[in-house]
């Protein structure tokens, strides 16, 4: 990625002056090396030497044909915005020190429509930083915070920086990302800066660029069937959920779930930085991710392999206990099946479309009576395309309250990172439920019961039929009469916990059919 950027198809690409050693700006600036190009704005990004002040500078050179009124107009608006931004100073932005235009009295080289001159930023190119692969979450957070703070300050001042292209960003020697080549495109708005922050975070975490118009040679971020960018956590499992969610939601234009301000990004970055300062992240033990659900946080390393042996013994013990539990459960189910009295068994036998009472005919002709009904499937419903522990959703309907589905642990309560999350149950046919019983240890969780036309219906197209606050243990939620539906959503709007620990666990869901 550092072998040299492509210039794109613009008139300045073939200009004899725009080569290393060339001189522009009436002979004042000698070009040293090209750092990149932003073809969206027909801009070339150069390191140059100011012959008058004997210092290096960063040049954003706007190229095009002067006779092209549209191109000339765009270049003029870019230089005007850069001139306006020259009063803004922040460590996260290279200060604009001059703006050259065809009407400034200087002779402009053919194919050059304007030049934004800024202080040179020592350090390295952003893309060179990730040539060896993605960065750890803590490093990415520390790098991005100064740039995020600069964008937030600029937006408060009514300015747009144009920090939405990776080759405009450099890494300072003290480990800060800095907008090294100012010059926002004419159509750029504050939302583009926020998207740029999200895309840069995505790049640091995955090595992929998630916005259109990225530099050649940088892998493009993958997208899902719905066109949404795949979450960093799906590509790098050890990325913290909050950081993964922020990166994706910063790129979304939807009114539900999208992050639209740099302040929201900064809040999460600050919290991740606090966590990093208090703990050290190490690689999780290789094994079944389903057992521990994520990375292990510690400040000490195990001595001479004893930690590994201890984990192995614990794993064997847990496996043995689980095996005995399964055998015991099967025994209870067999006894219950052959018992003449259902009350002597381990609970009602739930079969879709059949009566729970003994002696019912194999093909009932009467309406199915009230009683528990098992959904055909249960999945995690998440409007941000970043579902929590999706492979554990079936634990909520496995008739074993000791196994559970749980949300990720959130540093901030809903709706800061997402408006909510839930479990969508899909039945074989539309049903009316009398109640939903939730077994949970997460007292204080607030839920809504919603019905939907499909399992992937947008949240705004679902209908709320009941709300409840969960207590520790069982909470039976009585449901009013409603139109039968094959899709019922348990939607969590408030997680249990407080401060930086916000998480909810669902041990079991029991759906009871209405008469």
Protein backbone atom coordinates (compact mmCIF):
# COMPACT_ATOMS: atom_id res chain seq x y z
CA UNK A 1 0.00 0.00 0.00
CA UNK A 2 2.96 2.29 0.37
CA UNK A 3 4.41 1.59 -3.08
CA UNK A 4 2.84 4.73 -4.51
CA UNK A 5 -0.71 5.92 -5.07
CA UNK A 6 -2.37 6.04 -8.43
CA UNK A 7 -3.13 9.50 -9.67
CA UNK A 8 -6.43 8.77 -11.31
CA UNK A 9 -7.70 10.23 -14.58
CA UNK A 10 -7.42 13.99 -14.21
CA UNK A 11 -5.64 16.68 -16.22
CA UNK A 12 -3.04 17.25 -13.54
CA UNK A 13 -1.89 13.64 -13.68
CA UNK A 14 0.17 14.34 -16.79
CA UNK A 15 1.41 17.79 -15.77
CA UNK A 16 5.21 17.88 -16.03
CA UNK A 17 5.36 20.12 -12.94
CA UNK A 18 3.57 17.62 -10.70
CA UNK A 19 6.50 15.23 -10.32
CA UNK A 20 9.16 14.95 -7.61
CA UNK A 21 11.53 17.88 -8.12
CA UNK A 22 8.90 19.97 -9.90
CA UNK A 23 8.24 23.52 -8.77
CA UNK A 24 4.83 25.21 -8.43
CA UNK A 25 3.44 28.40 -6.91
CA UNK A 26 5.64 30.79 -8.88
CA UNK A 27 8.70 28.76 -8.01
CA UNK A 28 8.15 28.83 -4.24
CA UNK A 29 7.25 25.17 -3.56
CA UNK A 30 9.44 22.29 -4.73
CA UNK A 31 7.63 18.94 -4.73
CA UNK A 32 9.46 16.24 -2.76
CA UNK A 33 7.18 13.18 -2.69
CA UNK A 34 3.53 12.40 -3.33
CA UNK A 35 1.66 11.08 -0.31
CA UNK A 36 -1.51 10.14 -2.15
CA UNK A 37 -4.48 11.38 -4.12
CA UNK A 38 -8.15 11.96 -3.43
CA UNK A 39 -9.82 11.46 -6.80
CA UNK A 40 -13.25 12.36 -5.38
CA UNK A 41 -12.07 15.97 -5.23
CA UNK A 42 -9.46 15.77 -8.03
CA UNK A 43 -6.75 16.44 -5.45
CA UNK A 44 -3.12 15.37 -5.28
CA UNK A 45 -1.43 15.27 -1.87
CA UNK A 46 2.26 16.21 -1.77
CA UNK A 47 5.10 16.88 0.60
CA UNK A 48 6.95 19.95 -0.62
CA UNK A 49 9.69 22.37 0.38
CA UNK A 50 8.90 26.04 0.92
CA UNK A 51 11.92 27.76 -0.67
CA UNK A 52 11.22 31.12 0.99
CA UNK A 53 10.79 29.91 4.57
CA UNK A 54 13.04 26.86 4.20
CA UNK A 55 10.58 24.39 5.69
CA UNK A 56 8.55 21.39 4.55
CA UNK A 57 4.83 21.85 3.90
CA UNK A 58 1.84 19.73 2.92
CA UNK A 59 0.20 20.64 -0.38
CA UNK A 60 -3.30 19.70 -1.42
CA UNK A 61 -3.13 20.42 -5.15
CA UNK A 62 -6.50 20.72 -6.91
CA UNK A 63 -6.10 19.68 -10.53
CA UNK A 64 -8.29 20.10 -13.58
CA UNK A 65 -8.86 22.12 -16.73
CA UNK A 66 -9.30 25.84 -16.08
CA UNK A 67 -11.70 26.02 -19.02
CA UNK A 68 -13.96 23.49 -17.29
CA UNK A 69 -16.24 25.84 -15.38
CA UNK A 70 -17.60 23.09 -13.16
CA UNK A 71 -14.13 21.88 -12.14
CA UNK A 72 -12.93 25.45 -11.62
CA UNK A 73 -15.98 26.21 -9.48
CA UNK A 74 -15.41 23.15 -7.31
CA UNK A 75 -11.76 24.08 -6.80
CA UNK A 76 -12.73 27.63 -5.87
CA UNK A 77 -15.20 26.44 -3.23
CA UNK A 78 -12.62 24.06 -1.79
CA UNK A 79 -10.02 26.81 -1.43
CA UNK A 80 -12.62 29.14 0.09
CA UNK A 81 -13.50 26.53 2.70
CA UNK A 82 -9.81 25.94 3.44
CA UNK A 83 -9.22 29.67 3.85
CA UNK A 84 -12.15 29.89 6.23
CA UNK A 85 -10.75 26.94 8.24
CA UNK A 86 -7.32 28.54 8.55
CA UNK A 87 -8.43 30.22 11.79
CA UNK A 88 -9.07 26.83 13.42
CA UNK A 89 -6.16 25.40 15.38
CA UNK A 90 -6.03 21.96 17.00
CA UNK A 91 -3.29 19.33 17.47
CA UNK A 92 -5.40 16.92 15.43
CA UNK A 93 -5.36 19.13 12.30
CA UNK A 94 -2.47 20.55 10.32
CA UNK A 95 -2.85 24.33 10.27
CA UNK A 96 -3.60 25.94 6.91
CA UNK A 97 -0.91 28.57 6.28
CA UNK A 98 -1.71 29.67 2.73
CA UNK A 99 -4.17 29.19 -0.12
CA UNK A 100 -3.19 29.69 -3.77
CA UNK A 101 -5.76 30.36 -6.47
CA UNK A 102 -5.57 31.56 -10.09
CA UNK A 103 -6.66 35.01 -8.92
CA UNK A 104 -4.13 35.35 -6.09
CA UNK A 105 -1.50 37.09 -8.24
CA UNK A 106 0.71 33.99 -8.55
CA UNK A 107 1.30 32.19 -11.80
CA UNK A 108 -0.53 28.85 -11.66
CA UNK A 109 0.85 25.91 -13.58
CA UNK A 110 -1.27 24.38 -16.30
CA UNK A 111 -3.78 21.92 -14.86
CA UNK A 112 -3.56 23.37 -11.32
CA UNK A 113 -6.77 25.05 -10.16
CA UNK A 114 -5.76 25.75 -6.58
CA UNK A 115 -3.38 24.78 -3.78
CA UNK A 116 -3.99 24.47 -0.03
CA UNK A 117 -0.71 24.87 1.88
CA UNK A 118 -0.53 23.44 5.39
CA UNK A 119 2.11 22.66 8.00
CA UNK A 120 3.95 19.43 7.34
CA UNK A 121 3.14 16.62 9.78
CA UNK A 122 6.15 14.57 10.80
CA UNK A 123 5.62 10.85 11.30
CA UNK A 124 4.25 8.25 8.90
CA UNK A 125 1.38 7.70 6.51
CA UNK A 126 -1.73 6.10 8.00
CA UNK A 127 -1.70 3.29 5.41
CA UNK A 128 1.91 2.40 6.28
CA UNK A 129 0.75 1.82 9.85
CA UNK A 130 -1.48 -1.11 8.90
CA UNK A 131 0.77 -2.83 6.35
CA UNK A 132 1.54 -5.54 8.93
CA UNK A 133 -2.13 -6.05 9.76
CA UNK A 134 -4.91 -4.57 11.93
CA UNK A 135 -4.08 -2.88 15.22
CA UNK A 136 -5.17 -3.88 18.74
CA UNK A 137 -8.28 -2.11 19.99
CA UNK A 138 -6.39 -0.08 22.59
CA UNK A 139 -3.87 1.21 20.07
CA UNK A 140 -6.58 2.11 17.56
CA UNK A 141 -8.49 4.01 20.24
CA UNK A 142 -5.49 6.06 21.36
CA UNK A 143 -4.59 6.92 17.78
CA UNK A 144 -8.09 8.05 16.84
CA UNK A 145 -9.03 10.13 19.88
CA UNK A 146 -7.08 13.32 18.91
CA UNK A 147 -8.56 13.32 15.40
CA UNK A 148 -12.04 12.79 16.84
CA UNK A 149 -11.53 15.69 19.23
CA UNK A 150 -10.40 17.91 16.35
CA UNK A 151 -13.50 17.06 14.33
CA UNK A 152 -15.75 17.72 17.31
CA UNK A 153 -14.11 21.12 17.87
CA UNK A 154 -14.38 22.03 14.18
CA UNK A 155 -18.06 21.11 14.05
CA UNK A 156 -18.75 23.31 17.09
CA UNK A 157 -17.06 26.12 15.15
CA UNK A 158 -19.28 25.46 12.14
CA UNK A 159 -16.44 23.98 10.05
CA UNK A 160 -16.10 20.78 8.03
CA UNK A 161 -12.59 19.31 7.91
CA UNK A 162 -12.88 16.68 5.17
CA UNK A 163 -11.28 13.89 7.23
CA UNK A 164 -12.84 11.12 5.16
CA UNK A 165 -9.93 9.78 3.11
CA UNK A 166 -7.09 7.68 4.60
CA UNK A 167 -4.32 9.30 2.57
CA UNK A 168 -5.18 12.69 4.04
CA UNK A 169 -4.30 11.33 7.51
CA UNK A 170 -0.82 10.92 9.01
CA UNK A 171 0.42 9.46 12.29
CA UNK A 172 2.52 11.81 14.42
CA UNK A 173 5.69 10.60 16.19
CA UNK A 174 3.84 10.68 19.53
CA UNK A 175 1.10 8.37 18.24
CA UNK A 176 -1.77 10.64 17.17
CA UNK A 177 -3.79 10.65 14.00
CA UNK A 178 -3.77 14.05 12.34
CA UNK A 179 -5.51 15.51 9.32
CA UNK A 180 -2.34 16.38 7.41
CA UNK A 181 -3.91 17.51 4.11
CA UNK A 182 -6.86 19.87 4.77
CA UNK A 183 -9.21 20.89 1.98
CA UNK A 184 -12.77 19.61 2.31
CA UNK A 185 -14.65 18.84 -0.90
CA UNK A 186 -17.34 21.41 -1.83
CA UNK A 187 -20.18 18.98 -1.10
CA UNK A 188 -18.70 17.61 2.15
CA UNK A 189 -20.83 18.06 5.28
CA UNK A 190 -20.24 17.36 8.97
CA UNK A 191 -21.79 13.91 8.53
CA UNK A 192 -18.93 13.04 6.15
CA UNK A 193 -16.39 13.77 8.89
CA UNK A 194 -18.26 11.41 11.22
CA UNK A 195 -18.32 8.75 8.52
CA UNK A 196 -14.62 9.35 8.01
CA UNK A 197 -13.94 8.71 11.71
CA UNK A 198 -15.91 5.46 11.53
CA UNK A 199 -14.11 4.39 8.35
CA UNK A 200 -10.68 5.15 9.83
CA UNK A 201 -11.57 3.18 12.96
CA UNK A 202 -12.74 0.33 10.71
CA UNK A 203 -9.45 0.53 8.80
CA UNK A 204 -7.36 0.36 11.98
CA UNK A 205 -9.32 -2.62 13.29
CA UNK A 206 -9.57 -4.63 10.05
CA UNK A 207 -7.15 -3.24 7.46
CA UNK A 208 -10.10 -2.51 5.12
CA UNK A 209 -11.64 0.75 3.90
CA UNK A 210 -15.40 1.09 4.25
CA UNK A 211 -16.26 4.23 2.21
CA UNK A 212 -16.48 4.79 -1.56
CA UNK A 213 -13.53 6.37 -3.33
CA UNK A 214 -10.78 4.78 -1.26
CA UNK A 215 -7.19 4.50 -2.48
CA UNK A 216 -6.19 1.78 -4.94
CA UNK A 217 -4.59 -1.22 -3.30
CA UNK A 218 -6.52 -0.97 -0.01
CA UNK A 219 -9.00 -3.87 0.45
CA UNK A 220 -12.64 -2.83 0.45
CA UNK A 221 -14.74 -3.65 3.51
CA UNK A 222 -17.09 -6.61 2.88
CA UNK A 223 -20.84 -6.11 2.95
CA UNK A 224 -23.71 -8.38 3.92
CA UNK A 225 -26.73 -9.40 1.83
CA UNK A 226 -28.50 -6.16 2.81
CA UNK A 227 -25.58 -4.05 1.61
CA UNK A 228 -24.51 -3.03 5.12
CA UNK A 229 -20.82 -3.17 6.00
CA UNK A 230 -19.86 -6.30 7.93
CA UNK A 231 -18.95 -5.48 11.54
CA UNK A 232 -15.23 -5.50 12.46
CA UNK A 233 -15.95 -8.06 15.19
CA UNK A 234 -17.06 -10.52 12.50
CA UNK A 235 -13.64 -10.17 10.82
CA UNK A 236 -11.56 -9.84 14.00
CA UNK A 237 -13.37 -11.68 16.85
CA UNK A 238 -11.36 -10.02 19.61
CA UNK A 239 -12.45 -6.48 18.76
CA UNK A 240 -14.54 -5.12 21.67
CA UNK A 241 -18.23 -5.01 20.87
CA UNK A 242 -18.55 -1.28 21.57
CA UNK A 243 -15.72 -0.40 19.21
CA UNK A 244 -17.07 -2.68 16.48
CA UNK A 245 -20.55 -1.24 16.85
CA UNK A 246 -19.32 2.37 16.76
CA UNK A 247 -17.36 1.76 13.55
CA UNK A 248 -20.38 0.29 11.76
CA UNK A 249 -23.00 2.68 13.10
CA UNK A 250 -20.88 5.71 12.19
CA UNK A 251 -21.12 4.63 8.55
CA UNK A 252 -24.91 4.21 8.52
CA UNK A 253 -27.24 6.87 7.20
CA UNK A 254 -30.34 5.36 8.81
CA UNK A 255 -32.23 7.41 11.38
CA UNK A 256 -32.50 4.34 13.63
CA UNK A 257 -29.22 3.21 15.12
CA UNK A 258 -26.85 5.44 13.16
CA UNK A 259 -24.24 7.59 14.92
CA UNK A 260 -24.35 11.12 13.57
CA UNK A 261 -21.96 13.07 15.84
CA UNK A 262 -18.30 12.77 16.66
CA UNK A 263 -19.15 13.33 20.34
CA UNK A 264 -20.84 9.94 20.50
CA UNK A 265 -17.76 8.29 19.01
CA UNK A 266 -15.46 10.12 21.42
CA UNK A 267 -17.48 8.96 24.41
CA UNK A 268 -16.90 5.31 23.52
CA UNK A 269 -13.24 5.92 22.66
CA UNK A 270 -12.73 7.51 26.09
CA UNK A 271 -14.31 4.53 27.82
CA UNK A 272 -12.24 2.02 25.87
CA UNK A 273 -9.12 4.03 26.75
CA UNK A 274 -10.09 3.94 30.45
CA UNK A 275 -10.48 0.18 30.27
CA UNK A 276 -7.12 -0.18 28.55
CA UNK A 277 -5.48 1.93 31.23
CA UNK A 278 -6.83 -0.33 33.97
CA UNK A 279 -6.26 -3.70 32.33
CA UNK A 280 -4.17 -5.39 29.66
CA UNK A 281 -5.79 -7.35 26.83
CA UNK A 282 -4.24 -10.73 26.04
CA UNK A 283 -5.14 -13.32 23.45
CA UNK A 284 -8.04 -15.53 24.57
CA UNK A 285 -7.38 -19.24 25.15
CA UNK A 286 -7.89 -21.13 21.90
CA UNK A 287 -10.97 -23.29 22.14
CA UNK A 288 -14.73 -23.14 21.93
CA UNK A 289 -15.72 -19.49 21.82
CA UNK A 290 -19.14 -20.52 23.02
CA UNK A 291 -17.76 -21.28 26.49
CA UNK A 292 -16.44 -17.91 27.55
CA UNK A 293 -17.90 -15.52 24.99
CA UNK A 294 -14.82 -13.36 24.46
CA UNK A 295 -11.33 -12.34 25.46
CA UNK A 296 -9.73 -12.80 28.87
CA UNK A 297 -8.70 -9.61 30.65
CA UNK A 298 -5.82 -9.86 33.10
CA UNK A 299 -2.73 -8.04 34.28
CA UNK A 300 -0.61 -11.14 34.98
CA UNK A 301 0.67 -14.00 32.87
CA UNK A 302 0.30 -17.63 34.07
CA UNK A 303 3.56 -19.13 35.30
CA UNK A 304 5.14 -22.08 33.44
CA UNK A 305 1.93 -23.36 31.87
CA UNK A 306 0.10 -23.94 35.16
CA UNK A 307 -2.70 -21.60 34.05
CA UNK A 308 -3.27 -23.70 30.94
CA UNK A 309 -3.37 -26.96 32.94
CA UNK A 310 -5.81 -25.42 35.40
CA UNK A 311 -8.10 -24.31 32.55
CA UNK A 312 -7.90 -27.84 31.09
CA UNK A 313 -8.90 -29.44 34.42
CA UNK A 314 -11.78 -27.00 34.80
CA UNK A 315 -12.93 -27.74 31.25
CA UNK A 316 -12.87 -31.52 31.91
CA UNK A 317 -14.82 -31.06 35.14
CA UNK A 318 -17.42 -28.87 33.46
CA UNK A 319 -17.78 -31.39 30.63
CA UNK A 320 -18.31 -34.22 33.12
CA UNK A 321 -20.95 -32.26 35.04
CA UNK A 322 -22.70 -31.30 31.82
CA UNK A 323 -22.74 -34.94 30.68
CA UNK A 324 -24.27 -36.12 33.97
CA UNK A 325 -26.85 -33.32 33.77
CA UNK A 326 -27.87 -34.37 30.27
CA UNK A 327 -28.19 -38.03 31.34
CA UNK A 328 -30.31 -37.06 34.35
CA UNK A 329 -32.52 -34.81 32.22
CA UNK A 330 -33.05 -37.56 29.65
CA UNK A 331 -34.02 -39.94 32.44
CA UNK A 332 -36.63 -37.52 33.73
CA UNK A 333 -38.04 -37.02 30.26
CA UNK A 334 -38.33 -40.79 29.68
CA UNK A 335 -40.10 -41.29 33.02
CA UNK A 336 -42.39 -38.36 32.22
CA UNK A 337 -43.20 -39.77 28.80
CA UNK A 338 -44.34 -43.16 30.15
CA UNK A 339 -46.13 -41.74 33.20
CA UNK A 340 -49.94 -41.91 33.28
CA UNK A 341 -50.03 -38.72 35.38
CA UNK A 342 -48.39 -35.69 33.79
CA UNK A 343 -47.91 -34.12 37.20
CA UNK A 344 -45.32 -36.78 38.07
CA UNK A 345 -43.10 -35.89 35.18
CA UNK A 346 -40.54 -33.15 34.76
CA UNK A 347 -43.00 -30.66 33.23
CA UNK A 348 -45.48 -30.49 30.36
CA UNK A 349 -44.46 -32.00 27.05
CA UNK A 350 -44.74 -29.31 24.42
CA UNK A 351 -45.53 -30.40 20.88
CA UNK A 352 -46.54 -27.93 18.22
CA UNK A 353 -50.13 -28.44 17.11
CA UNK A 354 -51.02 -31.07 19.75
CA UNK A 355 -52.80 -30.95 23.07
CA UNK A 356 -50.62 -31.20 26.19
CA UNK A 357 -53.20 -33.39 27.93
CA UNK A 358 -52.79 -37.19 27.85
CA UNK A 359 -55.10 -39.20 25.72
CA UNK A 360 -55.47 -36.61 22.97
CA UNK A 361 -55.99 -37.99 19.50
CA UNK A 362 -53.03 -38.00 17.12
CA UNK A 363 -54.97 -35.82 14.68
CA UNK A 364 -57.03 -33.36 16.75
CA UNK A 365 -60.15 -32.03 15.12
CA UNK A 366 -61.01 -29.56 17.88
CA UNK A 367 -59.19 -26.21 18.27
CA UNK A 368 -55.84 -26.50 20.02
CA UNK A 369 -56.36 -25.65 23.71
CA UNK A 370 -54.35 -23.13 25.67
CA UNK A 371 -50.90 -24.18 26.82
CA UNK A 372 -47.19 -23.83 26.16
CA UNK A 373 -46.11 -23.71 22.54
CA UNK A 374 -42.58 -24.05 21.23
CA UNK A 375 -41.41 -21.67 18.47
CA UNK A 376 -39.91 -23.17 15.35
CA UNK A 377 -36.85 -20.95 15.70
CA UNK A 378 -35.45 -18.12 17.80
CA UNK A 379 -32.83 -15.64 16.60
CA UNK A 380 -31.15 -12.46 17.80
CA UNK A 381 -32.85 -9.38 16.37
CA UNK A 382 -30.50 -6.40 16.01
CA UNK A 383 -31.08 -3.31 13.86
CA UNK A 384 -27.32 -2.56 13.73
CA UNK A 385 -26.40 -5.83 11.94
CA UNK A 386 -24.10 -6.63 14.86
CA UNK A 387 -26.09 -9.19 16.91
CA UNK A 388 -24.92 -10.21 20.36
CA UNK A 389 -24.02 -13.91 20.77
CA UNK A 390 -26.19 -14.98 17.84
CA UNK A 391 -25.05 -18.60 18.17
CA UNK A 392 -26.57 -18.84 21.66
CA UNK A 393 -30.10 -17.65 20.96
CA UNK A 394 -31.50 -21.20 21.10
CA UNK A 395 -30.44 -21.43 24.75
CA UNK A 396 -33.42 -19.25 25.60
CA UNK A 397 -35.89 -21.96 24.45
CA UNK A 398 -34.03 -25.19 25.30
CA UNK A 399 -36.21 -25.98 28.38
CA UNK A 400 -33.16 -25.54 30.59
CA UNK A 401 -33.13 -22.29 32.61
CA UNK A 402 -29.51 -22.98 33.61
CA UNK A 403 -28.36 -22.29 30.05
CA UNK A 404 -28.87 -18.73 28.88
CA UNK A 405 -28.51 -16.25 26.07
CA UNK A 406 -27.00 -12.97 27.14
CA UNK A 407 -26.31 -9.62 25.55
CA UNK A 408 -22.82 -8.23 25.35
CA UNK A 409 -21.68 -6.04 28.21
CA UNK A 410 -22.22 -2.40 27.21
CA UNK A 411 -20.24 0.50 28.62
CA UNK A 412 -23.24 2.75 28.08
CA UNK A 413 -26.98 2.05 28.39
CA UNK A 414 -29.31 1.94 25.42
CA UNK A 415 -29.88 3.86 23.19
CA UNK A 416 -26.33 5.27 23.07
CA UNK A 417 -24.90 2.51 20.86
CA UNK A 418 -28.12 0.92 19.66
CA UNK A 419 -31.84 1.44 20.37
CA UNK A 420 -32.24 -2.06 21.76
CA UNK A 421 -31.76 -5.75 21.05
CA UNK A 422 -34.04 -8.75 21.27
CA UNK A 423 -34.98 -12.33 20.55
CA UNK A 424 -37.34 -12.96 17.64
CA UNK A 425 -39.42 -16.15 17.93
CA UNK A 426 -40.91 -17.57 14.71
CA UNK A 427 -43.79 -20.07 14.85
CA UNK A 428 -44.96 -22.54 12.23
CA UNK A 429 -48.23 -20.62 11.86
CA UNK A 430 -49.77 -17.42 13.22
CA UNK A 431 -50.65 -17.80 16.92
CA UNK A 432 -52.22 -15.75 19.69
CA UNK A 433 -50.32 -15.88 22.95
CA UNK A 434 -51.90 -15.39 26.38
CA UNK A 435 -48.58 -14.78 28.10
CA UNK A 436 -44.82 -14.93 27.85
CA UNK A 437 -42.86 -16.08 30.90
CA UNK A 438 -39.27 -14.88 31.10
CA UNK A 439 -36.73 -16.54 33.39
CA UNK A 440 -33.85 -14.17 34.00
CA UNK A 441 -31.33 -13.15 36.66
CA UNK A 442 -31.20 -9.62 35.23
CA UNK A 443 -33.62 -7.70 37.42
CA UNK A 444 -34.46 -4.24 36.18
CA UNK A 445 -34.35 -5.14 32.49
CA UNK A 446 -37.17 -3.42 30.61
CA UNK A 447 -38.68 -5.30 27.67
CA UNK A 448 -41.38 -4.83 25.09
CA UNK A 449 -43.34 -7.65 23.48
CA UNK A 450 -43.81 -6.88 19.80
CA UNK A 451 -45.39 -8.73 16.89
CA UNK A 452 -44.05 -8.55 13.34
CA UNK A 453 -44.98 -9.58 9.83
CA UNK A 454 -41.60 -11.29 9.32
CA UNK A 455 -38.51 -12.16 11.34
CA UNK A 456 -36.50 -9.38 9.67
CA UNK A 457 -39.16 -6.65 9.67
CA UNK A 458 -37.79 -3.15 10.46
CA UNK A 459 -38.31 -2.22 14.10
CA UNK A 460 -40.62 0.65 13.16
CA UNK A 461 -42.92 -1.85 11.41
CA UNK A 462 -43.32 -4.04 14.50
CA UNK A 463 -46.19 -3.45 16.94
CA UNK A 464 -45.83 -3.18 20.71
CA UNK A 465 -48.48 -5.24 22.55
CA UNK A 466 -47.02 -5.25 26.08
CA UNK A 467 -44.17 -3.89 28.21
CA UNK A 468 -42.66 -5.17 31.47
CA UNK A 469 -39.77 -4.83 33.87
CA UNK A 470 -38.09 -8.15 34.64
CA UNK A 471 -37.52 -9.34 38.18
CA UNK A 472 -34.89 -11.85 39.28
CA UNK A 473 -36.39 -15.28 38.56
CA UNK A 474 -39.60 -15.68 36.58
CA UNK A 475 -41.62 -12.79 35.17
CA UNK A 476 -44.96 -13.65 33.58
CA UNK A 477 -46.06 -11.03 31.07
CA UNK A 478 -49.79 -11.16 30.34
CA UNK A 479 -50.63 -10.27 26.74
CA UNK A 480 -53.82 -8.56 25.54
CA UNK A 481 -55.93 -9.79 22.69
CA UNK A 482 -54.13 -9.08 19.40
CA UNK A 483 -54.14 -10.23 15.81
CA UNK A 484 -52.44 -13.62 15.48
CA UNK A 485 -48.83 -13.45 14.32
CA UNK A 486 -46.14 -15.99 13.48
CA UNK A 487 -43.35 -13.69 14.71
CA UNK A 488 -43.08 -12.45 18.31
CA UNK A 489 -40.21 -10.25 19.45
CA UNK A 490 -38.89 -9.84 22.99
CA UNK A 491 -37.31 -6.38 22.59
CA UNK A 492 -34.95 -5.17 25.33
CA UNK A 493 -34.99 -1.38 25.69
CA UNK A 494 -33.09 -1.16 28.99
CA UNK A 495 -30.36 -3.51 30.13
CA UNK A 496 -29.78 -4.56 33.72
CA UNK A 497 -26.85 -2.97 35.53
CA UNK A 498 -25.42 0.54 35.59
CA UNK A 499 -22.27 2.54 34.92
CA UNK A 500 -20.02 0.61 32.55
CA UNK A 501 -21.73 -2.74 33.23
CA UNK A 502 -24.98 -3.00 31.28
CA UNK A 503 -25.96 -6.55 30.37
CA UNK A 504 -29.01 -8.80 30.38
CA UNK A 505 -29.27 -12.59 30.54
CA UNK A 506 -32.32 -14.55 29.37
CA UNK A 507 -32.41 -18.06 30.80
CA UNK A 508 -35.71 -19.30 29.38
CA UNK A 509 -38.73 -18.09 27.43
CA UNK A 510 -42.04 -19.95 27.72
CA UNK A 511 -44.74 -18.96 25.23
CA UNK A 512 -48.33 -19.80 26.30
CA UNK A 513 -51.04 -20.03 23.67
CA UNK A 514 -54.35 -18.23 24.29
CA UNK A 515 -57.70 -20.06 24.29
